[in-house]
Amino acid sequence: MITIPATDAKNRFGELLEAVHREPVEISKKGRVVAVMLSARDYQEMRKPEIDAPCKEFNGIRSWVKKHNNIKTGKPLDEGDYRKHLSEKYGK
């Protein structure tokens, strides 16, 4: 996987679109990777659900989406969820 600065990604967007068909591209800002760009085909493949066993990496995302939907419907998150969020965000 290659990494390019955000400014280069902006200035050479056409080349970036071609590059993601070969491999995902990390985009960095101030030396930190802030995004990953991949082809639509790779994205669709990544989103395919596992038939026998759900993909472990997506379990957290599914949980987050469920909680996010609860917020939209007015159902509050419990204190444990809030503390976990703070711990993940601030490392405490």
N, C-alpha and C. Protein backbone atom coordinates (compact mmCIF):
# COMPACT_ATOMS: atom_id res chain seq x y z
N MET A 1 0.86 -1.16 0.00
CA MET A 1 0.00 0.00 0.00
C MET A 1 0.91 1.23 0.00
N ILE A 2 0.57 2.19 -0.85
CA ILE A 2 1.36 3.41 -0.89
C ILE A 2 0.67 4.50 -0.06
N THR A 3 1.46 5.46 0.38
CA THR A 3 0.95 6.58 1.16
C THR A 3 1.34 7.86 0.45
N ILE A 4 0.37 8.77 0.28
CA ILE A 4 0.67 10.05 -0.35
C ILE A 4 0.10 11.18 0.51
N PRO A 5 0.73 12.35 0.47
CA PRO A 5 0.21 13.48 1.22
C PRO A 5 -1.13 13.96 0.64
N ALA A 6 -1.98 14.51 1.47
CA ALA A 6 -3.30 14.98 1.04
C ALA A 6 -3.19 16.01 -0.08
N THR A 7 -2.19 16.89 -0.02
CA THR A 7 -2.02 17.90 -1.06
C THR A 7 -1.78 17.25 -2.41
N ASP A 8 -0.94 16.20 -2.44
CA ASP A 8 -0.69 15.48 -3.69
C ASP A 8 -1.96 14.78 -4.17
N ALA A 9 -2.73 14.23 -3.25
CA ALA A 9 -3.97 13.56 -3.62
C ALA A 9 -4.92 14.55 -4.29
N LYS A 10 -4.97 15.75 -3.75
CA LYS A 10 -5.84 16.79 -4.32
C LYS A 10 -5.33 17.23 -5.69
N ASN A 11 -4.04 17.47 -5.79
CA ASN A 11 -3.47 17.99 -7.03
C ASN A 11 -3.37 16.95 -8.14
N ARG A 12 -3.31 15.67 -7.77
CA ARG A 12 -3.15 14.60 -8.76
C ARG A 12 -4.29 13.59 -8.64
N PHE A 13 -5.50 14.10 -8.48
CA PHE A 13 -6.65 13.24 -8.22
C PHE A 13 -6.87 12.21 -9.33
N GLY A 14 -6.71 12.61 -10.58
CA GLY A 14 -6.89 11.67 -11.69
C GLY A 14 -5.94 10.49 -11.59
N GLU A 15 -4.68 10.76 -11.25
CA GLU A 15 -3.70 9.69 -11.09
C GLU A 15 -4.07 8.81 -9.89
N LEU A 16 -4.58 9.44 -8.85
CA LEU A 16 -5.00 8.70 -7.65
C LEU A 16 -6.13 7.73 -8.00
N LEU A 17 -7.08 8.19 -8.81
CA LEU A 17 -8.18 7.31 -9.23
C LEU A 17 -7.66 6.09 -9.98
N GLU A 18 -6.62 6.27 -10.78
CA GLU A 18 -6.03 5.14 -11.49
C GLU A 18 -5.27 4.22 -10.54
N ALA A 19 -4.56 4.81 -9.58
CA ALA A 19 -3.73 4.03 -8.66
C ALA A 19 -4.56 3.09 -7.79
N VAL A 20 -5.75 3.52 -7.38
CA VAL A 20 -6.55 2.69 -6.47
C VAL A 20 -7.07 1.42 -7.13
N HIS A 21 -6.97 1.34 -8.46
CA HIS A 21 -7.37 0.10 -9.14
C HIS A 21 -6.28 -0.97 -9.01
N ARG A 22 -5.07 -0.54 -8.65
CA ARG A 22 -3.97 -1.49 -8.44
C ARG A 22 -3.87 -1.91 -6.98
N GLU A 23 -4.05 -0.93 -6.07
CA GLU A 23 -3.97 -1.20 -4.64
C GLU A 23 -4.58 -0.03 -3.87
N PRO A 24 -5.02 -0.24 -2.63
CA PRO A 24 -5.52 0.88 -1.82
C PRO A 24 -4.41 1.90 -1.59
N VAL A 25 -4.79 3.15 -1.43
CA VAL A 25 -3.82 4.23 -1.22
C VAL A 25 -4.14 4.94 0.10
N GLU A 26 -3.15 5.04 0.98
CA GLU A 26 -3.31 5.79 2.21
C GLU A 26 -3.05 7.27 1.92
N ILE A 27 -3.84 8.14 2.53
CA ILE A 27 -3.67 9.58 2.36
C ILE A 27 -3.29 10.15 3.72
N SER A 28 -2.18 10.88 3.74
CA SER A 28 -1.68 11.40 5.01
C SER A 28 -1.77 12.91 5.06
N LYS A 29 -1.86 13.41 6.28
CA LYS A 29 -1.89 14.84 6.53
C LYS A 29 -1.01 15.08 7.75
N LYS A 30 -0.03 15.94 7.59
CA LYS A 30 0.92 16.23 8.66
C LYS A 30 1.59 14.96 9.19
N GLY A 31 1.89 14.04 8.26
CA GLY A 31 2.61 12.82 8.62
C GLY A 31 1.77 11.70 9.19
N ARG A 32 0.45 11.92 9.32
CA ARG A 32 -0.46 10.90 9.88
C ARG A 32 -1.43 10.42 8.81
N VAL A 33 -1.65 9.13 8.72
CA VAL A 33 -2.63 8.60 7.77
C VAL A 33 -4.02 8.98 8.26
N VAL A 34 -4.78 9.68 7.41
CA VAL A 34 -6.11 10.14 7.79
C VAL A 34 -7.22 9.49 6.97
N ALA A 35 -6.84 8.84 5.86
CA ALA A 35 -7.86 8.20 5.02
C ALA A 35 -7.21 7.12 4.18
N VAL A 36 -8.05 6.23 3.68
CA VAL A 36 -7.61 5.21 2.74
C VAL A 36 -8.59 5.23 1.58
N MET A 37 -8.06 5.29 0.38
CA MET A 37 -8.92 5.29 -0.81
C MET A 37 -8.74 3.95 -1.52
N LEU A 38 -9.84 3.33 -1.89
CA LEU A 38 -9.78 2.06 -2.58
C LEU A 38 -10.80 2.04 -3.71
N SER A 39 -10.65 1.09 -4.61
CA SER A 39 -11.54 1.00 -5.76
C SER A 39 -12.94 0.60 -5.30
N ALA A 40 -13.92 0.94 -6.13
CA ALA A 40 -15.31 0.57 -5.82
C ALA A 40 -15.44 -0.95 -5.73
N ARG A 41 -14.72 -1.67 -6.58
CA ARG A 41 -14.78 -3.14 -6.56
C ARG A 41 -14.24 -3.68 -5.22
N ASP A 42 -13.11 -3.14 -4.77
CA ASP A 42 -12.55 -3.58 -3.49
C ASP A 42 -13.49 -3.24 -2.34
N TYR A 43 -14.12 -2.06 -2.42
CA TYR A 43 -15.06 -1.64 -1.37
C TYR A 43 -16.25 -2.58 -1.32
N GLN A 44 -16.82 -2.91 -2.47
CA GLN A 44 -17.97 -3.82 -2.51
C GLN A 44 -17.57 -5.19 -1.97
N GLU A 45 -16.39 -5.64 -2.34
CA GLU A 45 -15.90 -6.94 -1.85
C GLU A 45 -15.77 -6.93 -0.33
N MET A 46 -15.26 -5.83 0.20
CA MET A 46 -15.07 -5.69 1.64
C MET A 46 -16.41 -5.71 2.37
N ARG A 47 -17.45 -5.18 1.75
CA ARG A 47 -18.75 -5.08 2.39
C ARG A 47 -19.57 -6.36 2.30
N LYS A 48 -19.16 -7.32 1.49
CA LYS A 48 -19.92 -8.57 1.37
C LYS A 48 -19.98 -9.26 2.72
N PRO A 49 -21.16 -9.64 3.16
CA PRO A 49 -21.25 -10.34 4.45
C PRO A 49 -20.73 -11.77 4.33
N GLU A 50 -20.13 -12.22 5.39
CA GLU A 50 -19.67 -13.60 5.45
C GLU A 50 -20.90 -14.50 5.60
N ILE A 51 -20.93 -15.62 4.91
CA ILE A 51 -22.09 -16.51 4.98
C ILE A 51 -22.06 -17.34 6.25
N ASP A 52 -20.92 -17.97 6.55
CA ASP A 52 -20.85 -18.87 7.70
C ASP A 52 -20.59 -18.14 9.01
N ALA A 53 -19.68 -17.19 9.00
CA ALA A 53 -19.32 -16.48 10.22
C ALA A 53 -19.14 -15.00 9.89
N PRO A 54 -19.76 -14.12 10.66
CA PRO A 54 -19.60 -12.71 10.37
C PRO A 54 -18.15 -12.27 10.52
N CYS A 55 -17.76 -11.34 9.71
CA CYS A 55 -16.40 -10.81 9.75
C CYS A 55 -16.19 -10.10 11.08
N LYS A 56 -15.17 -10.49 11.81
CA LYS A 56 -14.90 -9.96 13.14
C LYS A 56 -14.71 -8.44 13.14
N GLU A 57 -14.03 -7.91 12.09
CA GLU A 57 -13.76 -6.49 12.03
C GLU A 57 -15.03 -5.66 11.92
N PHE A 58 -16.08 -6.21 11.34
CA PHE A 58 -17.30 -5.45 11.14
C PHE A 58 -18.26 -5.52 12.32
N ASN A 59 -18.00 -6.39 13.29
CA ASN A 59 -18.89 -6.48 14.44
C ASN A 59 -18.96 -5.16 15.19
N GLY A 60 -17.82 -4.51 15.37
CA GLY A 60 -17.79 -3.21 16.04
C GLY A 60 -18.54 -2.16 15.26
N ILE A 61 -18.41 -2.20 13.94
CA ILE A 61 -19.13 -1.24 13.09
C ILE A 61 -20.63 -1.47 13.19
N ARG A 62 -21.03 -2.73 13.13
CA ARG A 62 -22.47 -3.02 13.24
C ARG A 62 -23.03 -2.54 14.58
N SER A 63 -22.25 -2.74 15.64
CA SER A 63 -22.66 -2.29 16.97
C SER A 63 -22.80 -0.78 17.00
N TRP A 64 -21.82 -0.09 16.41
CA TRP A 64 -21.86 1.38 16.38
C TRP A 64 -23.09 1.87 15.60
N VAL A 65 -23.37 1.25 14.44
CA VAL A 65 -24.52 1.65 13.63
C VAL A 65 -25.81 1.46 14.42
N LYS A 66 -25.92 0.35 15.13
CA LYS A 66 -27.12 0.10 15.93
C LYS A 66 -27.28 1.19 16.99
N LYS A 67 -26.20 1.55 17.67
CA LYS A 67 -26.27 2.59 18.69
C LYS A 67 -26.55 3.95 18.07
N HIS A 68 -25.96 4.20 16.90
CA HIS A 68 -26.21 5.46 16.20
C HIS A 68 -27.69 5.57 15.83
N ASN A 69 -28.26 4.48 15.37
CA ASN A 69 -29.69 4.48 15.03
C ASN A 69 -30.54 4.72 16.26
N ASN A 70 -30.10 4.22 17.43
CA ASN A 70 -30.82 4.48 18.67
C ASN A 70 -30.83 5.97 18.99
N ILE A 71 -29.70 6.65 18.71
CA ILE A 71 -29.64 8.08 18.97
C ILE A 71 -30.66 8.81 18.10
N LYS A 72 -30.74 8.42 16.82
CA LYS A 72 -31.69 9.08 15.92
C LYS A 72 -33.14 8.87 16.35
N THR A 73 -33.40 7.75 17.01
CA THR A 73 -34.78 7.48 17.43
C THR A 73 -35.04 7.98 18.84
N GLY A 74 -34.07 8.61 19.44
CA GLY A 74 -34.26 9.19 20.76
C GLY A 74 -33.93 8.25 21.91
N LYS A 75 -33.46 7.05 21.63
CA LYS A 75 -33.10 6.12 22.70
C LYS A 75 -31.68 6.45 23.16
N PRO A 76 -31.48 6.73 24.44
CA PRO A 76 -30.14 7.13 24.89
C PRO A 76 -29.18 5.95 24.98
N LEU A 77 -27.89 6.26 24.86
CA LEU A 77 -26.86 5.26 25.09
C LEU A 77 -26.73 5.08 26.59
N ASP A 78 -26.34 3.90 27.03
CA ASP A 78 -26.17 3.72 28.46
C ASP A 78 -24.80 4.25 28.91
N GLU A 79 -24.61 4.32 30.21
CA GLU A 79 -23.39 4.90 30.78
C GLU A 79 -22.15 4.12 30.36
N GLY A 80 -22.27 2.80 30.25
CA GLY A 80 -21.13 1.97 29.83
C GLY A 80 -20.67 2.32 28.43
N ASP A 81 -21.64 2.54 27.52
CA ASP A 81 -21.29 2.94 26.16
C ASP A 81 -20.57 4.27 26.15
N TYR A 82 -21.05 5.20 26.95
CA TYR A 82 -20.45 6.53 27.01
C TYR A 82 -19.02 6.46 27.56
N ARG A 83 -18.84 5.69 28.63
CA ARG A 83 -17.50 5.56 29.21
C ARG A 83 -16.54 4.88 28.23
N LYS A 84 -17.04 3.88 27.50
CA LYS A 84 -16.22 3.20 26.50
C LYS A 84 -15.81 4.17 25.41
N HIS A 85 -16.75 4.99 24.96
CA HIS A 85 -16.46 6.00 23.95
C HIS A 85 -15.37 6.95 24.43
N LEU A 86 -15.48 7.44 25.65
CA LEU A 86 -14.48 8.35 26.19
C LEU A 86 -13.12 7.67 26.30
N SER A 87 -13.14 6.42 26.74
CA SER A 87 -11.90 5.68 26.88
C SER A 87 -11.20 5.50 25.53
N GLU A 88 -11.98 5.17 24.48
CA GLU A 88 -11.41 5.00 23.16
C GLU A 88 -10.91 6.32 22.60
N LYS A 89 -11.64 7.39 22.87
CA LYS A 89 -11.29 8.70 22.32
C LYS A 89 -10.08 9.31 23.02
N TYR A 90 -10.05 9.21 24.36
CA TYR A 90 -9.01 9.87 25.13
C TYR A 90 -8.02 8.93 25.80
N GLY A 91 -8.23 7.64 25.67
CA GLY A 91 -7.30 6.67 26.21
C GLY A 91 -7.27 6.58 27.71
N LYS A 92 -8.36 6.87 28.37
CA LYS A 92 -8.41 6.81 29.84
C LYS A 92 -9.35 5.74 30.28
